[in-house]
Amino acid sequence: MRAARFAGLCVGTVVLQVVLFPHLRIAGVVPDVGLVVAIAVGYQRGPEAGAAVGFATGFGFDLFLDTPVGLNALVYGLVGYTVGVLQSGMLRTPRALPVLLGLAAGVAGGLLLVAVGVLIGIDAVKGVHGLETVVLAGCYDALLAPIAFWAVPRVLGRDDAVHRAW
């Protein structure tokens, strides 16, 4: 039951990323829906779950891109894990946290994607245009983060309900 919910979340996220959001561009930029979902899962379910969902959604998205397979999977997994680790040290949750996490993790994930892309020799990520795209995508991610933070627990179910199902 739990694995099926996680798989459904990952497949649904990749479908949204590939089918719907290319038509909903803001300033020519498409958000990283898989990254936003990995942030929400990492925050709500812990670092391992965030890394697993991030890797799965990133890998699924990589299958539709011209970039090397595994680049988005690596970045989304690392960001999902990092958010899960950072969440464990929080004492209280401010109301604006989903927006702040969406912005910060979106920009950090974009910069990490650019850095790894430069290291492996992808020319398309170099230059000022790449940084502008990262910042705009981070803002778009911040807009989508509250929706992901609302949707993830509804798709995955509450923790105690999932544990009782096993």
Protein backbone atom coordinates (compact mmCIF):
# COMPACT_ATOMS: atom_id res chain seq x y z
CA MET A 1 0.00 0.00 0.00
CA ARG A 2 2.72 2.45 0.96
CA ALA A 3 4.90 1.63 -2.04
CA ALA A 4 1.91 1.97 -4.36
CA ARG A 5 1.15 5.43 -2.97
CA PHE A 6 4.75 6.55 -3.40
CA ALA A 7 4.84 5.15 -6.94
CA GLY A 8 1.56 6.86 -7.79
CA LEU A 9 2.87 10.15 -6.43
CA CYS A 10 6.06 9.85 -8.49
CA VAL A 11 4.30 8.88 -11.71
CA GLY A 12 1.68 11.60 -11.27
CA THR A 13 4.37 14.18 -10.64
CA VAL A 14 6.33 13.21 -13.77
CA VAL A 15 3.16 13.28 -15.86
CA LEU A 16 2.30 16.77 -14.57
CA GLN A 17 5.87 17.94 -15.21
CA VAL A 18 5.97 16.61 -18.76
CA VAL A 19 2.39 17.08 -19.96
CA LEU A 20 0.87 20.07 -18.16
CA PHE A 21 3.56 22.48 -16.99
CA PRO A 22 5.33 23.07 -20.33
CA HIS A 23 2.09 24.82 -21.32
CA LEU A 24 1.98 26.88 -18.10
CA ARG A 25 5.24 28.78 -18.50
CA ILE A 26 5.84 32.00 -16.61
CA ALA A 27 8.40 34.24 -18.31
CA GLY A 28 9.42 31.24 -20.42
CA VAL A 29 10.29 29.12 -17.37
CA VAL A 30 8.83 25.77 -16.33
CA PRO A 31 8.89 24.84 -12.62
CA ASP A 32 10.63 21.78 -11.22
CA VAL A 33 7.52 19.97 -10.01
CA GLY A 34 9.51 16.88 -9.03
CA LEU A 35 11.80 19.02 -6.92
CA VAL A 36 8.87 20.69 -5.18
CA VAL A 37 7.26 17.33 -4.42
CA ALA A 38 10.61 15.99 -3.13
CA ILE A 39 10.84 19.02 -0.83
CA ALA A 40 7.33 18.40 0.52
CA VAL A 41 7.95 14.68 1.03
CA GLY A 42 11.35 15.29 2.62
CA TYR A 43 9.84 17.81 5.01
CA GLN A 44 6.83 15.69 5.94
CA ARG A 45 8.24 12.14 5.79
CA GLY A 46 11.96 12.53 6.45
CA PRO A 47 15.20 12.56 4.50
CA GLU A 48 15.08 9.01 3.14
CA ALA A 49 11.58 9.41 1.73
CA GLY A 50 12.49 12.82 0.28
CA ALA A 51 15.58 11.38 -1.38
CA ALA A 52 13.67 8.39 -2.76
CA VAL A 53 10.83 10.48 -4.21
CA GLY A 54 13.31 13.07 -5.50
CA PHE A 55 15.39 10.42 -7.21
CA ALA A 56 12.37 8.67 -8.73
CA THR A 57 10.73 11.86 -10.03
CA GLY A 58 14.05 13.22 -11.26
CA PHE A 59 14.85 9.98 -13.07
CA GLY A 60 11.40 9.92 -14.63
CA PHE A 61 11.84 13.49 -15.81
CA ASP A 62 15.35 12.72 -17.11
CA LEU A 63 13.87 10.20 -19.51
CA PHE A 64 12.17 13.07 -21.37
CA LEU A 65 15.17 15.44 -21.51
CA ASP A 66 18.28 15.73 -23.66
CA THR A 67 20.50 16.06 -20.60
CA PRO A 68 22.39 13.04 -19.26
CA VAL A 69 20.08 10.53 -17.58
CA GLY A 70 20.44 10.82 -13.83
CA LEU A 71 21.28 14.53 -13.60
CA ASN A 72 17.86 15.61 -12.32
CA ALA A 73 17.57 12.41 -10.28
CA LEU A 74 20.80 13.26 -8.46
CA VAL A 75 19.82 16.87 -7.78
CA TYR A 76 16.21 16.17 -6.75
CA GLY A 77 17.33 13.35 -4.47
CA LEU A 78 19.99 15.49 -2.79
CA VAL A 79 17.61 18.39 -2.25
CA GLY A 80 14.84 16.14 -0.90
CA TYR A 81 17.29 14.54 1.52
CA THR A 82 18.69 17.90 2.62
CA VAL A 83 15.24 19.34 3.35
CA GLY A 84 14.39 16.25 5.39
CA VAL A 85 17.57 16.63 7.43
CA LEU A 86 16.99 20.34 7.98
CA GLN A 87 13.39 19.74 9.03
CA SER A 88 14.49 17.46 11.87
CA GLY A 89 16.24 20.42 13.50
CA MET A 90 13.25 22.79 13.36
CA LEU A 91 11.49 23.61 16.60
CA ARG A 92 8.42 25.23 15.07
CA THR A 93 6.97 25.66 11.62
CA PRO A 94 6.22 29.20 10.40
CA ARG A 95 3.19 29.66 8.15
CA ALA A 96 5.33 30.85 5.23
CA LEU A 97 7.63 27.83 5.41
CA PRO A 98 6.38 26.06 2.24
CA VAL A 99 6.95 29.21 0.19
CA LEU A 100 10.38 29.82 1.73
CA LEU A 101 11.42 26.20 1.26
CA GLY A 102 10.13 26.21 -2.30
CA LEU A 103 12.15 29.32 -3.11
CA ALA A 104 15.34 28.35 -1.29
CA ALA A 105 15.37 24.72 -2.36
CA GLY A 106 14.30 25.61 -5.90
CA VAL A 107 17.17 28.06 -6.29
CA ALA A 108 19.63 25.70 -4.55
CA GLY A 109 18.52 22.79 -6.73
CA GLY A 110 18.80 24.91 -9.87
CA LEU A 111 22.28 26.09 -8.93
CA LEU A 112 23.32 22.52 -8.15
CA LEU A 113 21.95 21.43 -11.53
CA VAL A 114 23.96 24.20 -13.23
CA ALA A 115 27.11 23.33 -11.26
CA VAL A 116 26.93 19.63 -12.08
CA GLY A 117 26.05 20.47 -15.70
CA VAL A 118 29.14 22.66 -16.00
CA LEU A 119 31.30 19.93 -14.45
CA ILE A 120 30.13 17.31 -16.94
CA GLY A 121 30.36 19.66 -19.91
CA ILE A 122 26.81 20.70 -20.76
CA ASP A 123 27.19 24.03 -22.57
CA ALA A 124 23.50 25.01 -22.36
CA VAL A 125 23.67 25.73 -18.60
CA LYS A 126 26.49 28.27 -18.75
CA GLY A 127 26.10 32.03 -18.67
CA VAL A 128 23.85 34.68 -17.17
CA HIS A 129 20.76 33.27 -18.87
CA GLY A 130 21.11 30.06 -16.85
CA LEU A 131 21.20 31.99 -13.58
CA GLU A 132 18.16 34.06 -14.54
CA THR A 133 16.31 30.86 -15.35
CA VAL A 134 17.29 29.35 -11.98
CA VAL A 135 15.96 32.35 -10.05
CA LEU A 136 12.72 32.49 -12.05
CA ALA A 137 12.21 28.73 -11.64
CA GLY A 138 12.84 29.10 -7.90
CA CYS A 139 10.10 31.74 -7.71
CA TYR A 140 7.75 29.48 -9.68
CA ASP A 141 8.63 26.60 -7.31
CA ALA A 142 7.79 28.86 -4.36
CA LEU A 143 4.33 29.44 -5.85
CA LEU A 144 3.73 25.69 -6.22
CA ALA A 145 5.17 24.64 -2.85
CA PRO A 146 2.02 25.34 -0.74
CA ILE A 147 0.00 23.18 -3.15
CA ALA A 148 2.53 20.35 -2.87
CA PHE A 149 2.66 20.65 0.94
CA TRP A 150 -1.15 20.36 0.96
CA ALA A 151 -1.36 17.51 -1.59
CA VAL A 152 1.44 15.20 -0.41
CA PRO A 153 -0.17 14.11 2.90
CA ARG A 154 -3.47 13.56 1.12
CA VAL A 155 -1.87 11.34 -1.50
CA LEU A 156 0.41 9.43 0.88
CA GLY A 157 -1.97 9.32 3.84
CA ARG A 158 -1.11 10.10 7.42
CA ASP A 159 1.91 8.35 8.93
CA ASP A 160 -0.07 6.41 11.52
CA ALA A 161 -2.61 5.26 8.90
CA VAL A 162 0.22 4.01 6.68
CA HIS A 163 1.89 2.10 9.54
CA ARG A 164 -1.41 0.46 10.53
CA ALA A 165 -1.89 -0.69 6.93
CA TRP A 166 1.30 -2.76 7.10
